[in-house]
Amino acid sequence: MKVKTSITLSEELLEQIDLLPAPHQNRSAFLETAAWAYIEQLRQEQQAARDLEILNRRADYLNAEVADALQYQSPL
């Protein structure tokens, strides 16, 4: 469901949106597409930060596992 709202944007931004030869039909469609893309980007960044925190928390264990596995490798 679409909800009508009012926002304030700079004239510069609106001019740039209007100049784009994008497939959007109007400003609303463009801004909705841009907002969804930004939300997805933020979600991915949050997930990456959570993953990095897990890896950092488990770094010592993971490094020990790799060192152990490398001991079984044959010399070249």
C-alpha atoms as a PDB file:
ATOM      1  CA  MET A   1       0.000   0.000   0.000  1.00  0.00           C
ATOM      2  CA  LYS A   2       1.319   3.435  -0.885  1.00  0.00           C
ATOM      3  CA  VAL A   3       1.053   6.293   1.596  1.00  0.00           C
ATOM      4  CA  LYS A   4       1.285   9.904   0.533  1.00  0.00           C
ATOM      5  CA  THR A   5       3.889  11.879   2.456  1.00  0.00           C
ATOM      6  CA  SER A   6       5.709  15.158   2.215  1.00  0.00           C
ATOM      7  CA  ILE A   7       9.487  15.580   2.341  1.00  0.00           C
ATOM      8  CA  THR A   8      11.806  18.490   1.807  1.00  0.00           C
ATOM      9  CA  LEU A   9      14.671  18.107  -0.660  1.00  0.00           C
ATOM     10  CA  SER A  10      17.135  20.530  -2.130  1.00  0.00           C
ATOM     11  CA  GLU A  11      16.466  21.970  -5.581  1.00  0.00           C
ATOM     12  CA  GLU A  12      19.863  20.617  -6.619  1.00  0.00           C
ATOM     13  CA  LEU A  13      18.863  17.052  -5.808  1.00  0.00           C
ATOM     14  CA  LEU A  14      15.550  17.337  -7.618  1.00  0.00           C
ATOM     15  CA  GLU A  15      17.269  18.768 -10.687  1.00  0.00           C
ATOM     16  CA  GLN A  16      19.716  15.850 -10.720  1.00  0.00           C
ATOM     17  CA  ILE A  17      16.888  13.328 -10.376  1.00  0.00           C
ATOM     18  CA  ASP A  18      15.024  14.983 -13.237  1.00  0.00           C
ATOM     19  CA  LEU A  19      18.135  14.868 -15.457  1.00  0.00           C
ATOM     20  CA  LEU A  20      18.661  11.124 -15.022  1.00  0.00           C
ATOM     21  CA  PRO A  21      17.662   8.969 -17.975  1.00  0.00           C
ATOM     22  CA  ALA A  22      16.571   6.217 -15.578  1.00  0.00           C
ATOM     23  CA  PRO A  23      13.669   3.836 -16.059  1.00  0.00           C
ATOM     24  CA  HIS A  24      11.737   5.474 -13.207  1.00  0.00           C
ATOM     25  CA  GLN A  25       8.463   7.044 -14.183  1.00  0.00           C
ATOM     26  CA  ASN A  26       8.490   9.879 -11.666  1.00  0.00           C
ATOM     27  CA  ARG A  27      10.328  11.283  -8.676  1.00  0.00           C
ATOM     28  CA  SER A  28       8.373   9.144  -6.236  1.00  0.00           C
ATOM     29  CA  ALA A  29       9.325   5.947  -8.039  1.00  0.00           C
ATOM     30  CA  PHE A  30      12.954   7.035  -8.185  1.00  0.00           C
ATOM     31  CA  LEU A  31      13.099   7.951  -4.497  1.00  0.00           C
ATOM     32  CA  GLU A  32      11.372   4.727  -3.429  1.00  0.00           C
ATOM     33  CA  THR A  33      13.846   2.667  -5.469  1.00  0.00           C
ATOM     34  CA  ALA A  34      16.765   4.635  -4.014  1.00  0.00           C
ATOM     35  CA  ALA A  35      15.459   4.227  -0.453  1.00  0.00           C
ATOM     36  CA  TRP A  36      15.063   0.446  -0.840  1.00  0.00           C
ATOM     37  CA  ALA A  37      18.567   0.174  -2.298  1.00  0.00           C
ATOM     38  CA  TYR A  38      19.995   2.171   0.616  1.00  0.00           C
ATOM     39  CA  ILE A  39      18.111   0.064   3.167  1.00  0.00           C
ATOM     40  CA  GLU A  40      19.503  -3.108   1.572  1.00  0.00           C
ATOM     41  CA  GLN A  41      23.021  -1.626   1.652  1.00  0.00           C
ATOM     42  CA  LEU A  42      22.655  -0.810   5.360  1.00  0.00           C
ATOM     43  CA  ARG A  43      21.404  -4.328   6.101  1.00  0.00           C
ATOM     44  CA  GLN A  44      24.364  -5.843   4.273  1.00  0.00           C
ATOM     45  CA  GLU A  45      26.776  -3.595   6.163  1.00  0.00           C
ATOM     46  CA  GLN A  46      25.174  -4.639   9.471  1.00  0.00           C
ATOM     47  CA  GLN A  47      25.478  -8.311   8.533  1.00  0.00           C
ATOM     48  CA  ALA A  48      29.125  -7.836   7.499  1.00  0.00           C
ATOM     49  CA  ALA A  49      29.843  -6.126  10.825  1.00  0.00           C
ATOM     50  CA  ARG A  50      28.220  -9.012  12.735  1.00  0.00           C
ATOM     51  CA  ASP A  51      30.195 -11.559  10.698  1.00  0.00           C
ATOM     52  CA  LEU A  52      33.455  -9.687  11.294  1.00  0.00           C
ATOM     53  CA  GLU A  53      32.741  -9.536  15.023  1.00  0.00           C
ATOM     54  CA  ILE A  54      32.205 -13.314  15.075  1.00  0.00           C
ATOM     55  CA  LEU A  55      35.411 -13.933  13.115  1.00  0.00           C
ATOM     56  CA  ASN A  56      37.397 -11.619  15.380  1.00  0.00           C
ATOM     57  CA  ARG A  57      35.966 -13.288  18.479  1.00  0.00           C
ATOM     58  CA  ARG A  58      36.924 -16.734  17.118  1.00  0.00           C
ATOM     59  CA  ALA A  59      40.240 -15.711  15.487  1.00  0.00           C
ATOM     60  CA  ASP A  60      42.510 -17.530  17.939  1.00  0.00           C
ATOM     61  CA  TYR A  61      40.571 -20.781  17.571  1.00  0.00           C
ATOM     62  CA  LEU A  62      40.416 -20.508  13.773  1.00  0.00           C
ATOM     63  CA  ASN A  63      44.137 -19.739  13.529  1.00  0.00           C
ATOM     64  CA  ALA A  64      44.940 -22.756  15.701  1.00  0.00           C
ATOM     65  CA  GLU A  65      42.783 -24.958  13.456  1.00  0.00           C
ATOM     66  CA  VAL A  66      44.621 -23.745  10.352  1.00  0.00           C
ATOM     67  CA  ALA A  67      48.020 -24.246  11.980  1.00  0.00           C
ATOM     68  CA  ASP A  68      47.021 -27.786  12.931  1.00  0.00           C
ATOM     69  CA  ALA A  69      45.807 -28.579   9.416  1.00  0.00           C
ATOM     70  CA  LEU A  70      49.019 -27.208   7.890  1.00  0.00           C
ATOM     71  CA  GLN A  71      51.075 -29.670   9.950  1.00  0.00           C
ATOM     72  CA  TYR A  72      49.577 -32.484   7.900  1.00  0.00           C
ATOM     73  CA  GLN A  73      50.705 -30.961   4.614  1.00  0.00           C
ATOM     74  CA  SER A  74      53.576 -32.559   2.751  1.00  0.00           C
ATOM     75  CA  PRO A  75      56.631 -30.390   2.101  1.00  0.00           C
ATOM     76  CA  LEU A  76      57.001 -29.260  -1.498  1.00  0.00           C
END
